[in-house]
Amino acid sequence: MAGILHIGCIVFGAPWYRFLGAGGAMIQMVERGHWYPPVFTAAIAATLFAFSAYALSAAGAIRRLPLLKLVLCAIASIYLLRGLCFFILIPLFPENGILFWIISSAICLVLGLVHFVGVRQMWDRL
């Protein structure tokens, strides 16, 4: 779902970026037609789709993907770190509001915990 929302930002532009909490600098670049926001957003969307594919692979919904255990551990770690260490990122992106950081960090923390629990429960079958 998060990947689809990022694609929505690319398709629908500044209103979507603004609604989903992008900072003022990013929104200004979108409004000026700068190349950076859609490329950066597409990279995030692609990453999120890849994460989803690995989760589906672990669940048996699609074929087994390479390095499944390693990648799932990395995904869980990335989500957990993003969820727990957002305070380190805030100074790097000062234009993002605190509500963005709280909501996005909570979502990442939940996703990280779900991935961690899933990997732990399925470890012998992966």
Protein backbone atom coordinates (compact mmCIF):
# COMPACT_ATOMS: atom_id res chain seq x y z
CA MET A 1 0.00 0.00 0.00
CA ALA A 2 2.81 2.43 0.85
CA GLY A 3 4.38 1.80 -2.55
CA ILE A 4 1.07 2.63 -4.23
CA LEU A 5 0.79 5.85 -2.21
CA HIS A 6 4.24 6.86 -3.40
CA ILE A 7 3.22 6.21 -7.01
CA GLY A 8 0.15 8.36 -6.32
CA CYS A 9 2.48 11.21 -5.37
CA ILE A 10 4.24 10.94 -8.71
CA VAL A 11 0.97 10.80 -10.66
CA PHE A 12 -1.04 13.42 -8.75
CA GLY A 13 1.75 15.78 -7.78
CA ALA A 14 2.08 18.40 -5.07
CA PRO A 15 -1.30 17.87 -3.33
CA TRP A 16 -0.42 14.24 -2.63
CA TYR A 17 3.12 15.06 -1.52
CA ARG A 18 1.68 17.72 0.80
CA PHE A 19 -1.06 15.44 2.20
CA LEU A 20 1.42 12.63 2.87
CA GLY A 21 3.77 14.94 4.76
CA ALA A 22 6.54 15.82 2.35
CA GLY A 23 8.54 18.86 3.33
CA GLY A 24 8.20 22.27 1.78
CA ALA A 25 11.37 21.98 -0.27
CA MET A 26 10.18 18.76 -1.90
CA ILE A 27 6.76 20.25 -2.63
CA GLN A 28 8.36 23.34 -4.20
CA MET A 29 10.49 21.12 -6.44
CA VAL A 30 7.38 19.18 -7.51
CA GLU A 31 5.57 22.42 -8.31
CA ARG A 32 8.53 23.59 -10.41
CA GLY A 33 8.63 20.29 -12.30
CA HIS A 34 12.07 19.35 -11.01
CA TRP A 35 13.26 15.83 -11.84
CA TYR A 36 14.35 14.93 -8.29
CA PRO A 37 11.00 14.33 -6.49
CA PRO A 38 9.56 11.78 -8.94
CA VAL A 39 12.88 9.93 -9.24
CA PHE A 40 13.41 9.82 -5.47
CA THR A 41 9.78 8.84 -4.89
CA ALA A 42 9.97 6.11 -7.55
CA ALA A 43 13.06 4.70 -5.85
CA ILE A 44 11.21 4.57 -2.53
CA ALA A 45 8.19 2.95 -4.21
CA ALA A 46 10.41 0.34 -5.91
CA THR A 47 12.07 -0.46 -2.58
CA LEU A 48 8.69 -0.85 -0.88
CA PHE A 49 7.45 -3.11 -3.70
CA ALA A 50 10.58 -5.24 -3.35
CA PHE A 51 9.99 -5.49 0.41
CA SER A 52 6.43 -6.61 -0.32
CA ALA A 53 7.60 -9.21 -2.81
CA TYR A 54 9.92 -10.74 -0.21
CA ALA A 55 7.14 -10.82 2.37
CA LEU A 56 4.84 -12.53 -0.15
CA SER A 57 7.61 -15.00 -0.99
CA ALA A 58 8.07 -15.87 2.68
CA ALA A 59 4.33 -16.38 3.01
CA GLY A 60 4.35 -18.77 0.05
CA ALA A 61 2.15 -16.56 -2.10
CA ILE A 62 4.80 -16.26 -4.81
CA ARG A 63 7.88 -18.28 -5.73
CA ARG A 64 10.84 -18.36 -3.40
CA LEU A 65 13.08 -15.35 -3.95
CA PRO A 66 16.87 -15.48 -3.57
CA LEU A 67 18.54 -14.85 -0.21
CA LEU A 68 15.12 -14.90 1.46
CA LYS A 69 16.28 -15.18 5.08
CA LEU A 70 18.99 -12.57 4.72
CA VAL A 71 16.78 -10.08 2.91
CA LEU A 72 13.88 -10.53 5.33
CA CYS A 73 16.23 -9.91 8.27
CA ALA A 74 17.53 -6.80 6.51
CA ILE A 75 13.99 -5.56 5.82
CA ALA A 76 12.94 -6.06 9.44
CA SER A 77 16.09 -4.25 10.59
CA ILE A 78 15.56 -1.34 8.20
CA TYR A 79 11.95 -0.85 9.32
CA LEU A 80 12.87 -1.16 13.01
CA LEU A 81 15.78 1.26 12.72
CA ARG A 82 13.65 3.76 10.79
CA GLY A 83 10.88 3.42 13.37
CA LEU A 84 13.11 3.77 16.42
CA CYS A 85 15.80 6.19 15.21
CA PHE A 86 13.69 8.84 13.53
CA PHE A 87 15.14 11.47 15.86
CA ILE A 88 18.46 11.07 14.02
CA LEU A 89 16.73 11.80 10.69
CA ILE A 90 14.77 14.86 11.83
CA PRO A 91 17.72 17.27 11.52
CA LEU A 92 18.42 15.98 8.01
CA PHE A 93 14.85 16.76 6.89
CA PRO A 94 13.80 19.75 9.02
CA GLU A 95 10.98 20.70 6.67
CA ASN A 96 9.01 17.57 7.60
CA GLY A 97 6.61 18.22 10.45
CA ILE A 98 6.56 16.32 13.72
CA LEU A 99 3.26 14.68 12.79
CA PHE A 100 4.93 13.17 9.71
CA TRP A 101 7.74 11.78 11.86
CA ILE A 102 5.40 10.33 14.48
CA ILE A 103 3.04 8.66 12.00
CA SER A 104 5.67 7.39 9.56
CA SER A 105 7.90 6.15 12.38
CA ALA A 106 5.00 4.35 14.06
CA ILE A 107 4.12 2.66 10.76
CA CYS A 108 7.74 1.61 10.23
CA LEU A 109 8.00 0.31 13.78
CA VAL A 110 4.86 -1.80 13.37
CA LEU A 111 6.04 -3.13 10.00
CA GLY A 112 9.44 -3.94 11.49
CA LEU A 113 7.88 -5.82 14.40
CA VAL A 114 5.56 -7.74 12.07
CA HIS A 115 8.48 -8.72 9.84
CA PHE A 116 10.62 -9.66 12.84
CA VAL A 117 7.90 -11.85 14.37
CA GLY A 118 7.12 -13.43 11.00
CA VAL A 119 10.76 -14.25 10.28
CA ARG A 120 11.20 -15.67 13.75
CA GLN A 121 8.09 -17.85 13.48
CA MET A 122 8.91 -19.08 9.97
CA TRP A 123 12.71 -19.34 10.30
CA ASP A 124 12.92 -23.15 9.93
CA ARG A 125 10.61 -23.11 6.92
CA LEU A 126 12.32 -20.29 5.04
